[in-house]
N, C-alpha and C. Protein backbone atom coordinates (compact mmCIF):
# COMPACT_ATOMS: atom_id res chain seq x y z
N MET A 1 -66.86 57.03 11.97
CA MET A 1 -65.76 56.10 11.99
C MET A 1 -66.26 54.62 11.96
N ASP A 2 -65.73 53.86 11.14
CA ASP A 2 -66.06 52.40 11.12
C ASP A 2 -65.85 51.78 12.48
N ILE A 3 -66.74 50.84 12.92
CA ILE A 3 -66.63 50.28 14.23
C ILE A 3 -65.37 49.49 14.38
N LYS A 4 -64.80 48.88 13.34
CA LYS A 4 -63.47 48.22 13.45
C LYS A 4 -62.41 49.19 13.62
N GLU A 5 -62.47 50.30 12.88
CA GLU A 5 -61.50 51.37 12.97
C GLU A 5 -61.46 51.95 14.33
N GLN A 6 -62.66 52.13 14.88
CA GLN A 6 -62.75 52.67 16.18
C GLN A 6 -62.15 51.73 17.27
N ALA A 7 -62.44 50.42 17.06
CA ALA A 7 -61.87 49.42 17.99
C ALA A 7 -60.33 49.44 17.98
N LEU A 8 -59.82 49.53 16.81
CA LEU A 8 -58.32 49.57 16.65
C LEU A 8 -57.76 50.78 17.32
N SER A 9 -58.44 51.93 17.10
CA SER A 9 -57.94 53.22 17.65
C SER A 9 -57.96 53.14 19.26
N THR A 10 -58.95 52.49 19.72
CA THR A 10 -59.20 52.40 21.21
C THR A 10 -58.27 51.39 21.88
N TYR A 11 -58.18 50.19 21.29
CA TYR A 11 -57.50 49.16 22.00
C TYR A 11 -56.04 48.81 21.44
N PHE A 12 -55.91 49.19 20.17
CA PHE A 12 -54.54 48.94 19.59
C PHE A 12 -54.03 50.25 18.87
N PRO A 13 -53.85 51.32 19.68
CA PRO A 13 -53.52 52.59 19.05
C PRO A 13 -52.16 52.57 18.29
N GLU A 14 -51.23 51.69 18.71
CA GLU A 14 -49.97 51.58 17.98
C GLU A 14 -50.18 51.08 16.58
N LEU A 15 -51.19 50.22 16.34
CA LEU A 15 -51.43 49.72 15.05
C LEU A 15 -52.33 50.72 14.25
N ALA A 16 -53.13 51.48 14.95
CA ALA A 16 -54.05 52.39 14.30
C ALA A 16 -53.39 53.72 13.86
N LYS A 17 -52.30 54.01 14.41
CA LYS A 17 -51.75 55.35 14.13
C LYS A 17 -51.18 55.55 12.72
N MET A 18 -50.92 54.37 12.05
CA MET A 18 -50.51 54.42 10.63
C MET A 18 -51.72 54.21 9.72
N PRO A 19 -52.13 55.19 8.98
CA PRO A 19 -53.38 55.14 8.18
C PRO A 19 -53.45 53.84 7.24
N LYS A 20 -52.38 53.60 6.53
CA LYS A 20 -52.43 52.48 5.59
C LYS A 20 -52.62 51.14 6.33
N LEU A 21 -51.84 50.98 7.39
CA LEU A 21 -51.92 49.72 8.16
C LEU A 21 -53.33 49.58 8.76
N ARG A 22 -53.78 50.72 9.36
CA ARG A 22 -55.17 50.69 9.91
C ARG A 22 -56.20 50.25 8.93
N GLN A 23 -56.11 50.85 7.67
CA GLN A 23 -57.11 50.54 6.71
C GLN A 23 -57.03 49.10 6.24
N GLU A 24 -55.84 48.52 6.13
CA GLU A 24 -55.73 47.12 5.74
C GLU A 24 -56.28 46.19 6.81
N LEU A 25 -55.98 46.56 8.03
CA LEU A 25 -56.51 45.75 9.16
C LEU A 25 -58.01 45.75 9.16
N VAL A 26 -58.68 46.96 8.95
CA VAL A 26 -60.12 47.12 8.85
C VAL A 26 -60.67 46.22 7.70
N GLU A 27 -59.98 46.18 6.58
CA GLU A 27 -60.50 45.50 5.37
C GLU A 27 -60.47 44.00 5.59
N ILE A 28 -59.50 43.44 6.29
CA ILE A 28 -59.31 42.01 6.33
C ILE A 28 -59.94 41.40 7.59
N SER A 29 -60.30 42.19 8.52
CA SER A 29 -60.75 41.74 9.83
C SER A 29 -62.29 41.62 9.95
N SER A 30 -62.75 40.95 11.01
CA SER A 30 -64.09 40.83 11.33
C SER A 30 -64.24 40.81 12.85
N ILE A 31 -65.27 41.36 13.48
CA ILE A 31 -65.52 41.38 14.84
C ILE A 31 -66.43 40.19 15.20
N VAL A 32 -65.99 39.40 16.16
CA VAL A 32 -66.77 38.20 16.51
C VAL A 32 -66.94 38.19 18.03
N ASP A 33 -68.17 37.82 18.45
CA ASP A 33 -68.50 37.64 19.92
C ASP A 33 -68.32 36.20 20.28
N PHE A 34 -67.60 35.95 21.36
CA PHE A 34 -67.35 34.59 21.86
C PHE A 34 -67.90 34.45 23.35
N GLU A 35 -68.51 33.39 23.53
CA GLU A 35 -69.09 33.12 24.91
C GLU A 35 -67.88 32.49 25.76
N ALA A 36 -68.02 32.70 27.04
CA ALA A 36 -67.07 32.05 27.99
C ALA A 36 -67.03 30.57 27.79
N GLY A 37 -65.84 30.00 27.80
CA GLY A 37 -65.70 28.56 27.61
C GLY A 37 -65.36 28.19 26.17
N THR A 38 -65.42 29.12 25.21
CA THR A 38 -65.10 28.83 23.83
C THR A 38 -63.62 28.66 23.66
N VAL A 39 -63.21 27.59 23.05
CA VAL A 39 -61.83 27.34 22.71
C VAL A 39 -61.48 28.07 21.34
N ILE A 40 -60.69 28.99 21.35
CA ILE A 40 -60.37 29.77 20.10
C ILE A 40 -59.06 29.28 19.50
N LEU A 41 -58.29 28.46 20.23
CA LEU A 41 -57.03 27.91 19.72
C LEU A 41 -56.83 26.60 20.33
N ARG A 42 -56.60 25.56 19.54
CA ARG A 42 -56.42 24.21 20.05
C ARG A 42 -54.95 23.78 19.90
N GLN A 43 -54.47 23.12 20.94
CA GLN A 43 -53.07 22.66 20.87
C GLN A 43 -52.98 21.55 19.80
N GLY A 44 -51.96 21.61 19.06
CA GLY A 44 -51.67 20.68 17.93
C GLY A 44 -52.30 21.00 16.60
N GLU A 45 -53.06 22.15 16.51
CA GLU A 45 -53.62 22.60 15.23
C GLU A 45 -52.86 23.70 14.63
N TYR A 46 -53.00 23.85 13.33
CA TYR A 46 -52.31 24.96 12.60
C TYR A 46 -53.12 26.28 12.90
N ILE A 47 -52.45 27.35 12.83
CA ILE A 47 -53.00 28.65 13.15
C ILE A 47 -53.85 29.13 11.95
N LYS A 48 -55.17 29.34 12.15
CA LYS A 48 -56.00 29.83 11.04
C LYS A 48 -56.34 31.32 11.18
N VAL A 49 -56.39 31.79 12.43
CA VAL A 49 -56.75 33.22 12.63
C VAL A 49 -55.84 33.79 13.72
N ILE A 50 -55.70 35.09 13.79
CA ILE A 50 -55.06 35.84 14.79
C ILE A 50 -56.09 36.64 15.56
N PRO A 51 -56.30 36.40 16.89
CA PRO A 51 -57.29 37.20 17.62
C PRO A 51 -56.78 38.43 18.26
N LEU A 52 -57.43 39.51 18.12
CA LEU A 52 -57.12 40.77 18.82
C LEU A 52 -58.21 41.10 19.78
N LEU A 53 -57.97 40.97 21.08
CA LEU A 53 -59.07 41.07 22.05
C LEU A 53 -59.49 42.47 22.32
N LEU A 54 -60.86 42.64 22.32
CA LEU A 54 -61.41 43.97 22.45
C LEU A 54 -62.07 44.11 23.84
N SER A 55 -62.68 43.02 24.28
CA SER A 55 -63.26 43.01 25.62
C SER A 55 -63.21 41.55 26.16
N GLY A 56 -63.55 41.45 27.47
CA GLY A 56 -63.45 40.12 28.18
C GLY A 56 -62.02 39.77 28.28
N PHE A 57 -61.65 38.44 28.55
CA PHE A 57 -60.31 38.05 28.51
C PHE A 57 -60.30 36.50 28.28
N ALA A 58 -59.08 36.09 27.91
CA ALA A 58 -58.86 34.60 27.56
C ALA A 58 -57.70 34.14 28.38
N LYS A 59 -57.58 32.83 28.48
CA LYS A 59 -56.47 32.17 29.11
C LYS A 59 -55.81 31.25 28.14
N VAL A 60 -54.47 31.19 28.29
CA VAL A 60 -53.60 30.34 27.49
C VAL A 60 -53.00 29.26 28.34
N PHE A 61 -53.26 27.95 27.89
CA PHE A 61 -52.79 26.84 28.67
C PHE A 61 -51.82 26.00 27.83
N LYS A 62 -50.98 25.28 28.59
CA LYS A 62 -50.17 24.15 28.02
C LYS A 62 -50.75 22.85 28.46
N GLU A 63 -51.08 21.99 27.51
CA GLU A 63 -51.67 20.71 27.82
C GLU A 63 -50.58 19.62 27.93
N GLU A 64 -50.68 18.85 28.96
CA GLU A 64 -49.70 17.71 29.09
C GLU A 64 -50.22 16.55 28.28
N ALA A 65 -49.29 16.02 27.40
CA ALA A 65 -49.72 15.08 26.38
C ALA A 65 -50.30 13.79 26.89
N VAL A 66 -49.69 13.20 27.91
CA VAL A 66 -50.08 11.87 28.35
C VAL A 66 -51.41 11.89 29.16
N HIS A 67 -51.50 12.66 30.16
CA HIS A 67 -52.65 12.66 31.04
C HIS A 67 -53.69 13.75 30.74
N GLY A 68 -53.29 14.68 29.88
CA GLY A 68 -54.26 15.74 29.51
C GLY A 68 -54.34 16.90 30.52
N ASN A 69 -53.49 16.90 31.56
CA ASN A 69 -53.50 18.00 32.49
C ASN A 69 -53.10 19.31 31.84
N GLU A 70 -53.60 20.38 32.43
CA GLU A 70 -53.26 21.71 31.87
C GLU A 70 -52.65 22.63 32.89
N VAL A 71 -51.78 23.51 32.40
CA VAL A 71 -51.18 24.55 33.29
C VAL A 71 -51.45 25.91 32.66
N LEU A 72 -51.92 26.87 33.41
CA LEU A 72 -52.21 28.19 32.95
C LEU A 72 -50.93 28.95 32.75
N LEU A 73 -50.65 29.45 31.48
CA LEU A 73 -49.40 30.09 31.16
C LEU A 73 -49.56 31.63 31.34
N TYR A 74 -50.53 32.19 30.69
CA TYR A 74 -50.76 33.68 30.74
C TYR A 74 -52.18 33.95 30.31
N TYR A 75 -52.53 35.23 30.48
CA TYR A 75 -53.84 35.77 30.11
C TYR A 75 -53.70 36.60 28.88
N ILE A 76 -54.83 36.69 28.11
CA ILE A 76 -54.91 37.66 27.05
C ILE A 76 -55.98 38.69 27.43
N LYS A 77 -55.61 39.92 27.46
CA LYS A 77 -56.45 40.97 27.92
C LYS A 77 -56.82 41.94 26.80
N PRO A 78 -57.85 42.73 26.92
CA PRO A 78 -58.16 43.70 25.83
C PRO A 78 -56.90 44.51 25.51
N GLY A 79 -56.65 44.68 24.16
CA GLY A 79 -55.48 45.38 23.70
C GLY A 79 -54.35 44.42 23.42
N GLU A 80 -54.57 43.08 23.63
CA GLU A 80 -53.51 42.07 23.45
C GLU A 80 -53.97 41.00 22.48
N SER A 81 -53.07 40.19 22.15
CA SER A 81 -53.35 39.01 21.30
C SER A 81 -52.63 37.82 21.86
N CYS A 82 -52.73 36.60 21.18
CA CYS A 82 -52.02 35.42 21.66
C CYS A 82 -50.69 35.44 20.93
N VAL A 83 -49.68 35.77 21.65
CA VAL A 83 -48.34 35.91 21.06
C VAL A 83 -47.86 34.55 20.56
N MET A 84 -48.26 33.47 21.26
CA MET A 84 -47.84 32.14 20.78
C MET A 84 -48.45 31.79 19.38
N SER A 85 -49.66 32.32 19.15
CA SER A 85 -50.26 32.11 17.81
C SER A 85 -49.43 32.82 16.75
N MET A 86 -48.96 34.02 17.11
CA MET A 86 -48.15 34.80 16.12
C MET A 86 -46.86 34.18 15.84
N THR A 87 -46.16 33.72 16.86
CA THR A 87 -44.81 33.11 16.59
C THR A 87 -44.98 31.81 15.93
N THR A 88 -46.03 31.02 16.26
CA THR A 88 -46.23 29.74 15.58
C THR A 88 -46.60 29.96 14.10
N LEU A 89 -47.37 30.99 13.86
CA LEU A 89 -47.72 31.27 12.43
C LEU A 89 -46.53 31.58 11.60
N ILE A 90 -45.58 32.35 12.25
CA ILE A 90 -44.39 32.74 11.50
C ILE A 90 -43.59 31.53 11.06
N ARG A 91 -43.49 30.46 11.83
CA ARG A 91 -42.75 29.27 11.49
C ARG A 91 -43.59 28.19 10.83
N ASN A 92 -44.91 28.52 10.64
CA ASN A 92 -45.84 27.58 10.03
C ASN A 92 -45.92 26.27 10.76
N GLY A 93 -45.93 26.33 12.05
CA GLY A 93 -45.96 25.10 12.82
C GLY A 93 -47.37 24.92 13.50
N LYS A 94 -47.50 23.82 14.22
CA LYS A 94 -48.69 23.57 14.99
C LYS A 94 -48.67 24.21 16.34
N SER A 95 -49.80 24.69 16.82
CA SER A 95 -49.84 25.39 18.06
C SER A 95 -49.40 24.44 19.21
N GLN A 96 -48.63 25.01 20.16
CA GLN A 96 -48.14 24.27 21.35
C GLN A 96 -49.01 24.62 22.51
N VAL A 97 -50.01 25.44 22.35
CA VAL A 97 -50.80 25.87 23.46
C VAL A 97 -52.34 25.83 23.10
N LYS A 98 -53.19 26.01 24.11
CA LYS A 98 -54.60 26.08 23.87
C LYS A 98 -55.04 27.44 24.49
N ALA A 99 -55.94 28.15 23.80
CA ALA A 99 -56.50 29.45 24.28
C ALA A 99 -58.02 29.32 24.44
N VAL A 100 -58.52 29.70 25.62
CA VAL A 100 -59.96 29.58 25.95
C VAL A 100 -60.38 30.92 26.45
N ILE A 101 -61.63 31.25 25.94
CA ILE A 101 -62.27 32.51 26.37
C ILE A 101 -62.77 32.25 27.81
N GLU A 102 -62.36 33.09 28.77
CA GLU A 102 -62.70 32.96 30.15
C GLU A 102 -63.94 33.77 30.46
N GLU A 103 -64.02 34.94 29.90
CA GLU A 103 -65.23 35.81 30.12
C GLU A 103 -65.66 36.29 28.76
N ASP A 104 -67.02 36.28 28.63
CA ASP A 104 -67.59 36.64 27.25
C ASP A 104 -66.79 37.85 26.63
N ALA A 105 -66.34 37.61 25.40
CA ALA A 105 -65.39 38.53 24.77
C ALA A 105 -65.82 38.95 23.37
N LYS A 106 -65.38 40.12 22.97
CA LYS A 106 -65.52 40.61 21.68
C LYS A 106 -64.06 40.67 21.04
N VAL A 107 -63.89 40.03 19.90
CA VAL A 107 -62.57 39.80 19.34
C VAL A 107 -62.54 40.25 17.92
N LEU A 108 -61.46 40.95 17.61
CA LEU A 108 -61.21 41.38 16.19
C LEU A 108 -60.39 40.18 15.58
N ILE A 109 -60.87 39.54 14.58
CA ILE A 109 -60.25 38.30 14.02
C ILE A 109 -59.60 38.68 12.69
N LEU A 110 -58.31 38.29 12.59
CA LEU A 110 -57.55 38.46 11.34
C LEU A 110 -57.26 37.09 10.80
N PRO A 111 -57.58 36.81 9.50
CA PRO A 111 -57.22 35.55 8.86
C PRO A 111 -55.67 35.42 8.89
N ALA A 112 -55.20 34.24 9.17
CA ALA A 112 -53.75 34.02 9.29
C ALA A 112 -52.96 34.43 8.07
N ILE A 113 -53.45 34.11 6.86
CA ILE A 113 -52.69 34.39 5.63
C ILE A 113 -52.48 35.86 5.46
N GLU A 114 -53.60 36.65 5.72
CA GLU A 114 -53.55 38.10 5.57
C GLU A 114 -52.64 38.68 6.68
N ALA A 115 -52.62 38.10 7.87
CA ALA A 115 -51.78 38.55 8.94
C ALA A 115 -50.31 38.40 8.56
N MET A 116 -49.99 37.29 7.89
CA MET A 116 -48.64 37.09 7.45
C MET A 116 -48.19 38.16 6.44
N ALA A 117 -49.11 38.48 5.56
CA ALA A 117 -48.84 39.53 4.58
C ALA A 117 -48.62 40.92 5.22
N ILE A 118 -49.40 41.19 6.26
CA ILE A 118 -49.26 42.40 7.05
C ILE A 118 -47.89 42.45 7.68
N ALA A 119 -47.49 41.32 8.24
CA ALA A 119 -46.17 41.29 8.93
C ALA A 119 -45.01 41.57 7.98
N LYS A 120 -45.10 41.15 6.71
CA LYS A 120 -44.11 41.31 5.76
C LYS A 120 -44.06 42.71 5.19
N THR A 121 -45.13 43.50 5.38
CA THR A 121 -45.26 44.82 4.76
C THR A 121 -45.06 45.94 5.75
N TYR A 122 -45.48 45.77 6.97
CA TYR A 122 -45.55 46.86 7.92
C TYR A 122 -44.64 46.57 9.18
N PRO A 123 -43.60 47.27 9.36
CA PRO A 123 -42.75 47.15 10.59
C PRO A 123 -43.48 47.42 11.85
N GLN A 124 -44.52 48.21 11.77
CA GLN A 124 -45.28 48.57 13.02
C GLN A 124 -45.99 47.34 13.56
N TRP A 125 -46.38 46.46 12.71
CA TRP A 125 -47.00 45.18 13.18
C TRP A 125 -46.04 44.35 13.92
N ASN A 126 -44.82 44.20 13.36
CA ASN A 126 -43.80 43.44 13.99
C ASN A 126 -43.36 43.99 15.35
N GLU A 127 -43.34 45.35 15.44
CA GLU A 127 -43.04 46.03 16.70
C GLU A 127 -44.05 45.67 17.75
N PHE A 128 -45.31 45.62 17.30
CA PHE A 128 -46.39 45.26 18.25
C PHE A 128 -46.24 43.85 18.71
N VAL A 129 -45.87 42.89 17.87
CA VAL A 129 -45.63 41.55 18.17
C VAL A 129 -44.47 41.42 19.19
N TYR A 130 -43.32 42.13 18.88
CA TYR A 130 -42.18 42.05 19.76
C TYR A 130 -42.50 42.57 21.17
N ASP A 131 -43.22 43.66 21.23
CA ASP A 131 -43.56 44.27 22.56
C ASP A 131 -44.48 43.28 23.31
N LEU A 132 -45.45 42.67 22.61
CA LEU A 132 -46.32 41.76 23.22
C LEU A 132 -45.53 40.47 23.73
N PHE A 133 -44.66 40.05 22.91
CA PHE A 133 -43.77 38.89 23.26
C PHE A 133 -43.00 39.17 24.54
N GLN A 134 -42.46 40.40 24.64
CA GLN A 134 -41.73 40.81 25.83
C GLN A 134 -42.63 40.74 27.02
N THR A 135 -43.85 41.27 26.94
CA THR A 135 -44.74 41.32 28.01
C THR A 135 -45.11 39.87 28.47
N LYS A 136 -45.50 39.04 27.55
CA LYS A 136 -45.89 37.64 27.89
C LYS A 136 -44.65 36.82 28.39
N PHE A 137 -43.50 37.10 27.86
CA PHE A 137 -42.25 36.38 28.36
C PHE A 137 -42.07 36.68 29.81
N GLU A 138 -42.26 37.98 30.17
CA GLU A 138 -42.09 38.32 31.60
C GLU A 138 -43.17 37.64 32.45
N GLU A 139 -44.36 37.53 31.95
CA GLU A 139 -45.44 36.78 32.67
C GLU A 139 -45.07 35.32 32.82
N LEU A 140 -44.55 34.72 31.80
CA LEU A 140 -44.09 33.31 31.83
C LEU A 140 -43.02 33.11 32.88
N LEU A 141 -42.07 34.10 32.97
CA LEU A 141 -41.00 33.97 33.92
C LEU A 141 -41.56 33.95 35.32
N GLN A 142 -42.62 34.82 35.54
CA GLN A 142 -43.26 34.84 36.87
C GLN A 142 -43.93 33.48 37.18
N VAL A 143 -44.54 32.92 36.15
CA VAL A 143 -45.17 31.59 36.35
C VAL A 143 -44.08 30.54 36.71
N ILE A 144 -43.00 30.57 36.04
CA ILE A 144 -41.93 29.56 36.24
C ILE A 144 -41.32 29.78 37.64
N GLU A 145 -41.14 31.06 38.02
CA GLU A 145 -40.61 31.33 39.34
C GLU A 145 -41.62 30.90 40.45
N THR A 146 -42.92 31.10 40.24
CA THR A 146 -43.86 30.67 41.27
C THR A 146 -43.89 29.18 41.33
N LEU A 147 -43.88 28.50 40.18
CA LEU A 147 -43.98 26.98 40.16
C LEU A 147 -42.76 26.39 40.79
N THR A 148 -41.60 27.01 40.60
CA THR A 148 -40.33 26.55 41.00
C THR A 148 -40.03 26.81 42.53
N PHE A 149 -40.25 28.01 42.92
CA PHE A 149 -39.77 28.47 44.21
C PHE A 149 -40.91 28.74 45.30
N SER A 150 -42.19 28.80 44.80
CA SER A 150 -43.15 29.19 45.77
C SER A 150 -43.99 27.98 46.21
N ASN A 151 -44.54 28.05 47.46
CA ASN A 151 -45.40 27.00 47.97
C ASN A 151 -46.76 27.10 47.17
N LYS A 152 -47.45 26.02 47.27
CA LYS A 152 -48.66 25.90 46.48
C LYS A 152 -49.68 26.96 46.98
N ASP A 153 -49.76 27.26 48.21
CA ASP A 153 -50.74 28.18 48.74
C ASP A 153 -50.41 29.60 48.29
N VAL A 154 -49.08 29.92 48.13
CA VAL A 154 -48.65 31.22 47.59
C VAL A 154 -49.08 31.38 46.11
N ARG A 155 -48.86 30.24 45.37
CA ARG A 155 -49.22 30.27 44.02
C ARG A 155 -50.79 30.47 43.86
N LEU A 156 -51.50 29.78 44.66
CA LEU A 156 -52.98 29.85 44.61
C LEU A 156 -53.44 31.26 44.94
N LEU A 157 -52.82 31.86 45.91
CA LEU A 157 -53.26 33.21 46.31
C LEU A 157 -52.88 34.28 45.19
N GLU A 158 -51.74 34.11 44.61
CA GLU A 158 -51.37 34.95 43.47
C GLU A 158 -52.40 34.77 42.31
N TYR A 159 -52.80 33.58 42.05
CA TYR A 159 -53.72 33.28 40.98
C TYR A 159 -55.08 34.02 41.26
N LEU A 160 -55.52 33.89 42.53
CA LEU A 160 -56.84 34.50 42.87
C LEU A 160 -56.77 36.05 42.79
N LYS A 161 -55.67 36.59 43.20
CA LYS A 161 -55.52 38.03 43.10
C LYS A 161 -55.48 38.50 41.64
N LYS A 162 -54.82 37.76 40.84
CA LYS A 162 -54.77 38.03 39.39
C LYS A 162 -56.20 38.02 38.78
N GLU A 163 -56.92 36.97 39.10
CA GLU A 163 -58.36 36.82 38.65
C GLU A 163 -59.14 38.00 39.12
N SER A 164 -58.94 38.46 40.32
CA SER A 164 -59.67 39.56 40.95
C SER A 164 -59.42 40.86 40.14
N VAL A 165 -58.11 41.06 39.81
CA VAL A 165 -57.81 42.27 39.05
C VAL A 165 -58.42 42.25 37.65
N LEU A 166 -58.29 41.12 36.98
CA LEU A 166 -58.86 41.01 35.62
C LEU A 166 -60.34 41.19 35.63
N LYS A 167 -61.05 40.63 36.62
CA LYS A 167 -62.50 40.67 36.65
C LYS A 167 -62.98 41.92 37.39
N GLU A 168 -62.06 42.71 37.91
CA GLU A 168 -62.38 43.99 38.59
C GLU A 168 -63.38 43.77 39.70
N SER A 169 -63.11 42.75 40.48
CA SER A 169 -64.04 42.36 41.60
C SER A 169 -63.31 41.62 42.66
N LYS A 170 -63.63 41.91 43.91
CA LYS A 170 -62.97 41.22 45.04
C LYS A 170 -63.70 39.87 45.28
N VAL A 171 -64.82 39.72 44.60
CA VAL A 171 -65.62 38.42 44.73
C VAL A 171 -65.47 37.66 43.43
N LEU A 172 -65.01 36.45 43.52
CA LEU A 172 -64.86 35.60 42.41
C LEU A 172 -65.92 34.46 42.42
N ASN A 173 -66.71 34.38 41.41
CA ASN A 173 -67.75 33.35 41.19
C ASN A 173 -67.09 32.18 40.47
N THR A 174 -66.63 31.20 41.23
CA THR A 174 -65.93 30.10 40.56
C THR A 174 -66.04 28.83 41.40
N THR A 175 -65.46 27.78 41.00
CA THR A 175 -65.55 26.52 41.71
C THR A 175 -64.07 26.05 42.04
N HIS A 176 -63.95 25.16 42.97
CA HIS A 176 -62.69 24.57 43.30
C HIS A 176 -62.20 23.78 42.14
N GLN A 177 -63.06 23.17 41.37
CA GLN A 177 -62.63 22.30 40.28
C GLN A 177 -62.08 23.20 39.16
N HIS A 178 -62.75 24.30 38.90
CA HIS A 178 -62.27 25.24 37.85
C HIS A 178 -60.83 25.77 38.18
N ILE A 179 -60.63 26.11 39.44
CA ILE A 179 -59.28 26.59 39.83
C ILE A 179 -58.28 25.48 39.71
N ALA A 180 -58.65 24.28 40.09
CA ALA A 180 -57.79 23.09 39.97
C ALA A 180 -57.40 22.88 38.47
N ASN A 181 -58.33 23.06 37.61
CA ASN A 181 -58.07 22.90 36.15
C ASN A 181 -57.01 23.90 35.73
N ASP A 182 -57.24 25.13 36.12
CA ASP A 182 -56.35 26.24 35.70
C ASP A 182 -54.92 26.00 36.21
N LEU A 183 -54.78 25.48 37.36
CA LEU A 183 -53.47 25.33 38.03
C LEU A 183 -52.86 23.95 37.91
N GLY A 184 -53.53 23.04 37.12
CA GLY A 184 -52.99 21.72 36.93
C GLY A 184 -52.95 20.95 38.22
N SER A 185 -53.89 21.11 39.08
CA SER A 185 -53.91 20.42 40.42
C SER A 185 -55.17 19.59 40.47
N SER A 186 -55.48 19.13 41.70
CA SER A 186 -56.69 18.39 41.90
C SER A 186 -57.63 19.22 42.77
N ARG A 187 -58.92 18.89 42.68
CA ARG A 187 -59.88 19.63 43.47
C ARG A 187 -59.69 19.53 45.02
N GLU A 188 -59.25 18.35 45.39
CA GLU A 188 -58.99 18.07 46.84
C GLU A 188 -57.89 18.99 47.34
N VAL A 189 -56.84 19.10 46.53
CA VAL A 189 -55.69 19.89 46.99
C VAL A 189 -56.10 21.37 47.06
N ILE A 190 -56.81 21.85 46.03
CA ILE A 190 -57.27 23.20 46.00
C ILE A 190 -58.17 23.53 47.17
N SER A 191 -59.12 22.69 47.41
CA SER A 191 -60.04 22.85 48.55
C SER A 191 -59.31 23.00 49.89
N ARG A 192 -58.29 22.13 50.07
CA ARG A 192 -57.47 22.15 51.31
C ARG A 192 -56.71 23.45 51.42
N LEU A 193 -56.16 23.94 50.34
CA LEU A 193 -55.37 25.18 50.35
C LEU A 193 -56.29 26.38 50.52
N LEU A 194 -57.46 26.32 49.96
CA LEU A 194 -58.40 27.45 50.13
C LEU A 194 -58.85 27.56 51.57
N LYS A 195 -59.08 26.39 52.24
CA LYS A 195 -59.37 26.41 53.67
C LYS A 195 -58.28 27.04 54.49
N LYS A 196 -57.01 26.74 54.10
CA LYS A 196 -55.85 27.26 54.79
C LYS A 196 -55.74 28.74 54.65
N LEU A 197 -55.97 29.28 53.38
CA LEU A 197 -56.02 30.71 53.16
C LEU A 197 -57.16 31.42 53.87
N GLU A 198 -58.29 30.71 54.00
CA GLU A 198 -59.42 31.27 54.72
C GLU A 198 -59.04 31.39 56.23
N HIS A 199 -58.43 30.30 56.77
CA HIS A 199 -57.99 30.32 58.18
C HIS A 199 -57.03 31.46 58.42
N GLU A 200 -56.13 31.76 57.47
CA GLU A 200 -55.15 32.81 57.66
C GLU A 200 -55.74 34.23 57.43
N GLY A 201 -57.06 34.30 57.00
CA GLY A 201 -57.76 35.58 56.85
C GLY A 201 -57.40 36.23 55.47
N GLN A 202 -56.92 35.43 54.50
CA GLN A 202 -56.61 35.99 53.18
C GLN A 202 -57.86 36.04 52.34
N ILE A 203 -58.74 35.08 52.54
CA ILE A 203 -59.99 35.05 51.69
C ILE A 203 -61.14 34.60 52.54
N GLY A 204 -62.33 34.78 51.98
CA GLY A 204 -63.60 34.26 52.51
C GLY A 204 -64.24 33.32 51.58
N LEU A 205 -64.77 32.23 52.07
CA LEU A 205 -65.32 31.21 51.26
C LEU A 205 -66.87 31.08 51.41
N LYS A 206 -67.59 31.03 50.37
CA LYS A 206 -68.96 30.68 50.31
C LYS A 206 -69.22 29.70 49.15
N GLN A 207 -70.36 29.14 49.07
CA GLN A 207 -70.68 28.20 48.00
C GLN A 207 -70.53 28.91 46.68
N GLY A 208 -69.64 28.40 45.88
CA GLY A 208 -69.34 28.99 44.48
C GLY A 208 -68.83 30.41 44.48
N GLU A 209 -68.21 30.80 45.61
CA GLU A 209 -67.78 32.23 45.70
C GLU A 209 -66.55 32.28 46.59
N ILE A 210 -65.64 33.10 46.19
CA ILE A 210 -64.40 33.36 46.89
C ILE A 210 -64.21 34.86 47.02
N GLN A 211 -64.06 35.41 48.22
CA GLN A 211 -63.85 36.82 48.40
C GLN A 211 -62.40 37.08 48.83
N ILE A 212 -61.78 37.94 48.09
CA ILE A 212 -60.41 38.39 48.39
C ILE A 212 -60.38 39.43 49.45
N LEU A 213 -59.72 39.12 50.60
CA LEU A 213 -59.81 40.01 51.78
C LEU A 213 -58.61 40.93 51.88
N ASN A 214 -57.44 40.51 51.36
CA ASN A 214 -56.26 41.34 51.44
C ASN A 214 -55.69 41.60 50.07
């Protein structure tokens, strides 16, 4: 079995179950390795490719135009894509978000033009997009709820627990500045909140390391 065909069958079974669609995806796609920190989608640019994540994970941010602050909207995990890329591609607009590889990733890349042709031909592709949109919409609602109704320390703890689940580790190797960038805050505020969570017994702090205790 072709490596791309195998990747589709493993991570995107709903797309691979139809032989003709699977074959077209294999023919137009390429597998690319991205290092952590790589920006795969920039805010304000037209969509050139659609990424289907096979390993690692990415984060999708909204950048604030004036001061350049960012807010983490949602994650892209293996078996998922950037739904904002897909919806933006459909209306031929410029991206309203930025996507960054957080952990070294292997990605199945589809050229945007070919992806549009796939969408017009195969209902299964559109079903995949709609299901993904629903999933990410629910994640966005959680972000809005947390931003609106939760204290900053609650939001920070939820963020740390989410990172722990995605990285499959109770120990996070990160910095206060990195967390501040993700949450659209300042390093000073994050450091103060982390100390508060440590005092409450929620986390343990070491240099460049955060351990989730609960």
